[in-house]
């Protein structure tokens, strides 16, 4: 018997979307951006991205926290989260020639390129040949 994957839902009961993940991850990075760790508190100490004391996030931390904020759960690599992640990797490959989110985050001097990457991930990237 075939198994069907039910659409992921947000806390409000609406379907989880790539646009929603993108928008929330961008909001988080605008609130606070960091390098060298997934998230930091107001003293600059490293902590988990879903810690309630987090005030800044790296690129990966913002994506994972966005999922957590929208669903109330830690991410699993399925559904819209997986597609969003793959679009970000495609964007990195297109821009920088690699798919390393940590390297892309830590190489930046401002958050602007990361915000653009998250914004562009709302749409499928053209293939690179």
N, C-alpha and C. Protein backbone atom coordinates (compact mmCIF):
# COMPACT_ATOMS: atom_id res chain seq x y z
N UNK A 1 0.84 -1.17 0.00
CA UNK A 1 0.00 0.00 0.00
C UNK A 1 0.89 1.24 0.00
N UNK A 2 0.67 2.20 -0.91
CA UNK A 2 1.51 3.39 -0.95
C UNK A 2 1.29 4.27 0.27
N UNK A 3 2.39 4.90 0.70
CA UNK A 3 2.29 5.83 1.82
C UNK A 3 2.28 7.24 1.25
N UNK A 4 1.44 8.07 1.84
CA UNK A 4 1.35 9.46 1.41
C UNK A 4 1.87 10.34 2.53
N UNK A 5 2.69 11.30 2.16
CA UNK A 5 3.23 12.23 3.13
C UNK A 5 2.23 13.37 3.32
N UNK A 6 1.80 13.56 4.55
CA UNK A 6 0.89 14.66 4.84
C UNK A 6 1.67 15.96 4.83
N UNK A 7 1.06 17.05 4.39
CA UNK A 7 1.78 18.32 4.39
C UNK A 7 2.09 18.76 5.83
N UNK A 8 3.29 19.31 5.99
CA UNK A 8 3.65 19.83 7.31
C UNK A 8 2.81 21.06 7.60
N UNK A 9 2.49 21.23 8.87
CA UNK A 9 1.66 22.36 9.29
C UNK A 9 2.45 23.26 10.24
N UNK A 10 2.09 24.53 10.23
CA UNK A 10 2.65 25.46 11.18
C UNK A 10 1.86 25.37 12.49
N UNK A 11 2.32 26.06 13.49
CA UNK A 11 1.63 26.09 14.78
C UNK A 11 0.20 26.56 14.60
N UNK A 12 -0.02 27.49 13.68
CA UNK A 12 -1.37 28.03 13.45
C UNK A 12 -2.25 27.09 12.63
N UNK A 13 -1.69 25.97 12.17
CA UNK A 13 -2.46 25.00 11.40
C UNK A 13 -2.40 25.21 9.90
N UNK A 14 -1.72 26.26 9.46
CA UNK A 14 -1.56 26.50 8.02
C UNK A 14 -0.43 25.64 7.48
N UNK A 15 -0.43 25.36 6.19
CA UNK A 15 0.68 24.58 5.61
C UNK A 15 2.01 25.32 5.72
N UNK A 16 3.06 24.58 6.02
CA UNK A 16 4.40 25.13 6.04
C UNK A 16 4.84 25.38 4.61
N UNK A 17 5.37 26.56 4.32
CA UNK A 17 5.79 26.90 2.96
C UNK A 17 7.25 27.36 2.95
N UNK A 18 7.83 27.27 1.78
CA UNK A 18 9.18 27.79 1.59
C UNK A 18 9.20 29.30 1.79
N UNK A 19 8.18 29.98 1.31
CA UNK A 19 8.11 31.43 1.49
C UNK A 19 8.07 31.79 2.98
N UNK A 20 7.30 31.03 3.75
CA UNK A 20 7.24 31.28 5.19
C UNK A 20 8.57 31.06 5.87
N UNK A 21 9.26 29.98 5.50
CA UNK A 21 10.59 29.72 6.05
C UNK A 21 11.56 30.83 5.67
N UNK A 22 11.52 31.25 4.41
CA UNK A 22 12.41 32.30 3.93
C UNK A 22 12.17 33.60 4.67
N UNK A 23 10.91 33.98 4.79
CA UNK A 23 10.58 35.24 5.46
C UNK A 23 11.02 35.24 6.92
N UNK A 24 10.76 34.14 7.62
CA UNK A 24 11.13 34.07 9.04
C UNK A 24 12.64 34.04 9.22
N UNK A 25 13.36 33.29 8.39
CA UNK A 25 14.82 33.25 8.48
C UNK A 25 15.41 34.63 8.22
N UNK A 26 14.85 35.36 7.26
CA UNK A 26 15.32 36.73 6.99
C UNK A 26 15.07 37.64 8.19
N UNK A 27 13.88 37.53 8.80
CA UNK A 27 13.56 38.35 9.98
C UNK A 27 14.59 38.10 11.09
N UNK A 28 14.92 36.84 11.29
CA UNK A 28 15.88 36.49 12.34
C UNK A 28 17.25 37.09 12.05
N UNK A 29 17.72 36.97 10.82
CA UNK A 29 19.05 37.52 10.48
C UNK A 29 19.06 39.04 10.58
N UNK A 30 17.94 39.67 10.25
CA UNK A 30 17.87 41.14 10.41
C UNK A 30 17.91 41.52 11.89
N UNK A 31 17.31 40.67 12.72
CA UNK A 31 17.31 40.91 14.16
C UNK A 31 18.72 40.82 14.72
N UNK A 32 19.46 39.80 14.27
CA UNK A 32 20.83 39.63 14.74
C UNK A 32 21.53 38.53 13.95
N UNK A 33 22.74 38.82 13.53
CA UNK A 33 23.52 37.89 12.72
C UNK A 33 24.83 37.62 13.43
N UNK A 34 25.30 36.38 13.37
CA UNK A 34 26.56 36.02 14.00
C UNK A 34 27.38 35.12 13.10
N UNK A 35 28.63 34.97 13.46
CA UNK A 35 29.55 34.05 12.78
C UNK A 35 30.17 33.13 13.83
N UNK A 36 30.67 31.99 13.36
CA UNK A 36 31.45 31.12 14.22
C UNK A 36 30.66 30.19 15.12
N UNK A 37 29.37 30.35 15.17
CA UNK A 37 28.50 29.47 15.95
C UNK A 37 27.08 29.60 15.43
N UNK A 38 26.23 28.69 15.79
CA UNK A 38 24.87 28.67 15.25
C UNK A 38 24.00 29.81 15.79
N UNK A 39 24.23 30.20 17.07
CA UNK A 39 23.44 31.29 17.67
C UNK A 39 24.20 31.83 18.89
N UNK A 40 23.81 33.04 19.30
CA UNK A 40 24.42 33.67 20.47
C UNK A 40 23.34 34.36 21.30
N UNK A 41 23.65 34.51 22.58
CA UNK A 41 22.77 35.28 23.46
C UNK A 41 23.26 36.73 23.50
N UNK A 42 22.63 37.55 24.34
CA UNK A 42 22.95 38.98 24.38
C UNK A 42 24.36 39.26 24.91
N UNK A 43 24.97 38.29 25.61
CA UNK A 43 26.35 38.45 26.08
C UNK A 43 27.37 37.98 25.04
N UNK A 44 26.88 37.37 23.95
CA UNK A 44 27.78 36.85 22.92
C UNK A 44 28.16 35.41 23.13
N UNK A 45 27.54 34.76 24.10
CA UNK A 45 27.83 33.34 24.36
C UNK A 45 27.09 32.47 23.35
N UNK A 46 27.76 31.41 22.91
CA UNK A 46 27.16 30.46 21.95
C UNK A 46 26.09 29.62 22.63
N UNK A 47 25.03 29.33 21.88
CA UNK A 47 23.97 28.45 22.36
C UNK A 47 23.21 27.86 21.19
N UNK A 48 22.26 26.98 21.47
CA UNK A 48 21.46 26.36 20.40
C UNK A 48 20.56 27.41 19.75
N UNK A 49 20.26 27.19 18.48
CA UNK A 49 19.48 28.18 17.73
C UNK A 49 18.04 28.29 18.23
N UNK A 50 17.51 27.24 18.88
CA UNK A 50 16.13 27.32 19.38
C UNK A 50 16.07 27.71 20.85
N UNK A 51 17.21 28.09 21.43
CA UNK A 51 17.22 28.56 22.81
C UNK A 51 16.46 29.88 22.89
N UNK A 52 15.58 30.04 23.86
CA UNK A 52 14.81 31.29 23.95
C UNK A 52 15.66 32.53 24.21
N UNK A 53 16.91 32.34 24.66
CA UNK A 53 17.80 33.48 24.91
C UNK A 53 18.60 33.90 23.68
N UNK A 54 18.44 33.20 22.57
CA UNK A 54 19.18 33.54 21.35
C UNK A 54 18.71 34.90 20.82
N UNK A 55 19.68 35.72 20.45
CA UNK A 55 19.38 37.04 19.88
C UNK A 55 20.03 37.23 18.52
N UNK A 56 20.93 36.31 18.15
CA UNK A 56 21.55 36.37 16.82
C UNK A 56 21.82 34.96 16.34
N UNK A 57 21.81 34.79 15.01
CA UNK A 57 21.93 33.47 14.40
C UNK A 57 22.85 33.54 13.18
N UNK A 58 23.49 32.43 12.87
CA UNK A 58 24.19 32.29 11.59
C UNK A 58 23.16 31.86 10.55
N UNK A 59 23.58 31.69 9.32
CA UNK A 59 22.67 31.29 8.25
C UNK A 59 21.93 29.99 8.60
N UNK A 60 22.68 28.96 9.00
CA UNK A 60 22.05 27.69 9.35
C UNK A 60 21.14 27.85 10.56
N UNK A 61 21.61 28.58 11.55
CA UNK A 61 20.80 28.81 12.75
C UNK A 61 19.49 29.51 12.44
N UNK A 62 19.53 30.47 11.51
CA UNK A 62 18.30 31.20 11.17
C UNK A 62 17.31 30.29 10.45
N UNK A 63 17.81 29.39 9.62
CA UNK A 63 16.93 28.46 8.90
C UNK A 63 16.28 27.48 9.88
N UNK A 64 17.11 26.91 10.77
CA UNK A 64 16.59 25.95 11.73
C UNK A 64 15.65 26.61 12.74
N UNK A 65 15.99 27.82 13.19
CA UNK A 65 15.11 28.52 14.13
C UNK A 65 13.81 28.93 13.46
N UNK A 66 13.87 29.31 12.19
CA UNK A 66 12.65 29.66 11.46
C UNK A 66 11.70 28.47 11.45
N UNK A 67 12.23 27.29 11.18
CA UNK A 67 11.40 26.08 11.19
C UNK A 67 10.80 25.88 12.58
N UNK A 68 11.62 26.02 13.60
CA UNK A 68 11.17 25.85 14.98
C UNK A 68 10.09 26.88 15.33
N UNK A 69 10.32 28.13 14.96
CA UNK A 69 9.34 29.18 15.25
C UNK A 69 8.00 28.90 14.59
N UNK A 70 8.05 28.38 13.38
CA UNK A 70 6.81 28.16 12.62
C UNK A 70 6.09 26.87 13.01
N UNK A 71 6.83 25.85 13.43
CA UNK A 71 6.21 24.55 13.68
C UNK A 71 6.22 24.12 15.15
N UNK A 72 7.10 24.72 15.94
CA UNK A 72 7.25 24.30 17.33
C UNK A 72 8.10 23.05 17.47
N UNK A 73 8.74 22.61 16.40
CA UNK A 73 9.56 21.40 16.41
C UNK A 73 10.94 21.70 15.82
N UNK A 74 11.90 20.89 16.20
CA UNK A 74 13.21 20.95 15.54
C UNK A 74 13.04 20.41 14.13
N UNK A 75 13.83 20.91 13.19
CA UNK A 75 13.63 20.49 11.79
C UNK A 75 14.01 19.05 11.53
N UNK A 76 13.29 18.48 10.59
CA UNK A 76 13.67 17.20 10.01
C UNK A 76 13.87 17.48 8.52
N UNK A 77 14.70 16.72 7.89
CA UNK A 77 15.10 17.02 6.52
C UNK A 77 14.09 16.45 5.53
N UNK A 78 12.86 16.98 5.60
CA UNK A 78 11.79 16.53 4.72
C UNK A 78 10.96 17.73 4.28
N UNK A 79 10.09 17.51 3.32
CA UNK A 79 9.09 18.50 2.90
C UNK A 79 9.66 19.85 2.52
N UNK A 80 8.95 20.92 2.86
CA UNK A 80 9.38 22.27 2.50
C UNK A 80 10.75 22.64 3.07
N UNK A 81 11.07 22.14 4.27
CA UNK A 81 12.38 22.43 4.85
C UNK A 81 13.49 21.89 3.94
N UNK A 82 13.34 20.65 3.50
CA UNK A 82 14.34 20.04 2.63
C UNK A 82 14.46 20.80 1.31
N UNK A 83 13.33 21.14 0.71
CA UNK A 83 13.38 21.87 -0.56
C UNK A 83 14.01 23.24 -0.39
N UNK A 84 13.68 23.93 0.70
CA UNK A 84 14.28 25.24 0.99
C UNK A 84 15.79 25.10 1.13
N UNK A 85 16.22 24.11 1.91
CA UNK A 85 17.65 23.86 2.11
C UNK A 85 18.34 23.60 0.76
N UNK A 86 17.74 22.77 -0.08
CA UNK A 86 18.33 22.45 -1.39
C UNK A 86 18.39 23.69 -2.28
N UNK A 87 17.41 24.56 -2.19
CA UNK A 87 17.45 25.80 -2.97
C UNK A 87 18.56 26.72 -2.48
N UNK A 88 18.78 26.76 -1.18
CA UNK A 88 19.88 27.56 -0.64
C UNK A 88 21.22 27.00 -1.12
N UNK A 89 21.38 25.69 -1.08
CA UNK A 89 22.60 25.07 -1.58
C UNK A 89 22.80 25.38 -3.06
N UNK A 90 21.73 25.33 -3.84
CA UNK A 90 21.83 25.65 -5.27
C UNK A 90 22.24 27.10 -5.47
N UNK A 91 21.70 27.99 -4.65
CA UNK A 91 22.08 29.41 -4.71
C UNK A 91 23.55 29.61 -4.37
N UNK A 92 24.04 28.89 -3.35
CA UNK A 92 25.45 28.97 -2.99
C UNK A 92 26.34 28.46 -4.11
N UNK A 93 25.94 27.34 -4.68
CA UNK A 93 26.71 26.77 -5.79
C UNK A 93 26.77 27.76 -6.95
N UNK A 94 25.65 28.39 -7.24
CA UNK A 94 25.57 29.37 -8.32
C UNK A 94 26.44 30.59 -8.02
N UNK A 95 26.40 31.10 -6.79
CA UNK A 95 27.14 32.32 -6.42
C UNK A 95 28.62 32.08 -6.15
N UNK A 96 28.91 31.00 -5.38
CA UNK A 96 30.25 30.82 -4.83
C UNK A 96 30.97 29.57 -5.32
N UNK A 97 30.27 28.70 -6.05
CA UNK A 97 30.89 27.49 -6.54
C UNK A 97 30.99 26.38 -5.51
N UNK A 98 30.29 26.52 -4.37
CA UNK A 98 30.26 25.46 -3.36
C UNK A 98 28.91 25.52 -2.64
N UNK A 99 28.65 24.50 -1.80
CA UNK A 99 27.37 24.42 -1.09
C UNK A 99 27.56 24.49 0.42
N UNK A 100 28.66 25.04 0.90
CA UNK A 100 28.98 25.07 2.32
C UNK A 100 28.35 26.29 2.98
N UNK A 101 27.27 26.07 3.73
CA UNK A 101 26.56 27.17 4.37
C UNK A 101 27.39 27.83 5.46
N UNK A 102 28.18 27.06 6.17
CA UNK A 102 29.03 27.63 7.22
C UNK A 102 30.07 28.57 6.61
N UNK A 103 30.74 28.09 5.58
CA UNK A 103 31.75 28.91 4.90
C UNK A 103 31.13 30.17 4.31
N UNK A 104 29.97 30.02 3.70
CA UNK A 104 29.29 31.19 3.11
C UNK A 104 28.94 32.21 4.19
N UNK A 105 28.44 31.75 5.32
CA UNK A 105 28.08 32.65 6.41
C UNK A 105 29.32 33.38 6.94
N UNK A 106 30.34 32.61 7.28
CA UNK A 106 31.49 33.18 7.97
C UNK A 106 32.40 34.01 7.06
N UNK A 107 32.26 33.87 5.75
CA UNK A 107 33.08 34.66 4.82
C UNK A 107 32.50 36.07 4.58
N UNK A 108 31.27 36.30 5.01
CA UNK A 108 30.62 37.59 4.73
C UNK A 108 31.08 38.67 5.70
N UNK A 109 31.06 39.92 5.24
CA UNK A 109 31.34 41.06 6.12
C UNK A 109 30.06 41.77 6.53
N UNK A 110 28.98 41.53 5.79
CA UNK A 110 27.66 42.03 6.16
C UNK A 110 26.65 40.92 5.94
N UNK A 111 25.47 41.11 6.49
CA UNK A 111 24.41 40.10 6.37
C UNK A 111 23.68 40.18 5.03
N UNK A 112 23.86 41.25 4.29
CA UNK A 112 23.10 41.48 3.05
C UNK A 112 23.16 40.32 2.05
N UNK A 113 24.34 39.74 1.76
CA UNK A 113 24.35 38.62 0.80
C UNK A 113 23.56 37.40 1.29
N UNK A 114 23.52 37.20 2.60
CA UNK A 114 22.77 36.07 3.15
C UNK A 114 21.27 36.32 3.06
N UNK A 115 20.87 37.55 3.29
CA UNK A 115 19.45 37.90 3.13
C UNK A 115 19.02 37.70 1.68
N UNK A 116 19.88 38.08 0.75
CA UNK A 116 19.57 37.89 -0.68
C UNK A 116 19.48 36.41 -1.00
N UNK A 117 20.36 35.61 -0.44
CA UNK A 117 20.34 34.16 -0.66
C UNK A 117 19.02 33.57 -0.16
N UNK A 118 18.60 33.96 1.03
CA UNK A 118 17.33 33.47 1.59
C UNK A 118 16.15 33.94 0.75
N UNK A 119 16.19 35.17 0.31
CA UNK A 119 15.11 35.71 -0.52
C UNK A 119 15.03 34.97 -1.85
N UNK A 120 16.17 34.74 -2.47
CA UNK A 120 16.20 34.06 -3.76
C UNK A 120 15.78 32.59 -3.64
N UNK A 121 15.96 32.00 -2.47
CA UNK A 121 15.60 30.59 -2.27
C UNK A 121 14.09 30.37 -2.27
N UNK A 122 13.33 31.44 -2.29
CA UNK A 122 11.87 31.30 -2.43
C UNK A 122 11.51 30.71 -3.79
N UNK A 123 12.44 30.81 -4.73
CA UNK A 123 12.21 30.37 -6.11
C UNK A 123 13.26 29.33 -6.50
N UNK A 124 12.90 28.35 -7.34
CA UNK A 124 13.90 27.38 -7.78
C UNK A 124 15.04 28.07 -8.54
N UNK A 125 16.26 27.57 -8.33
CA UNK A 125 17.43 28.12 -9.00
C UNK A 125 17.64 27.42 -10.34
N UNK A 126 18.14 28.15 -11.33
CA UNK A 126 18.43 27.49 -12.61
C UNK A 126 19.60 26.51 -12.43
N UNK A 127 19.60 25.44 -13.20
CA UNK A 127 20.70 24.47 -13.09
C UNK A 127 22.02 25.08 -13.56
N UNK A 128 23.10 24.58 -13.00
CA UNK A 128 24.46 25.00 -13.40
C UNK A 128 25.08 23.86 -14.18
N UNK A 129 25.58 24.18 -15.37
CA UNK A 129 26.19 23.15 -16.21
C UNK A 129 27.67 23.36 -16.29
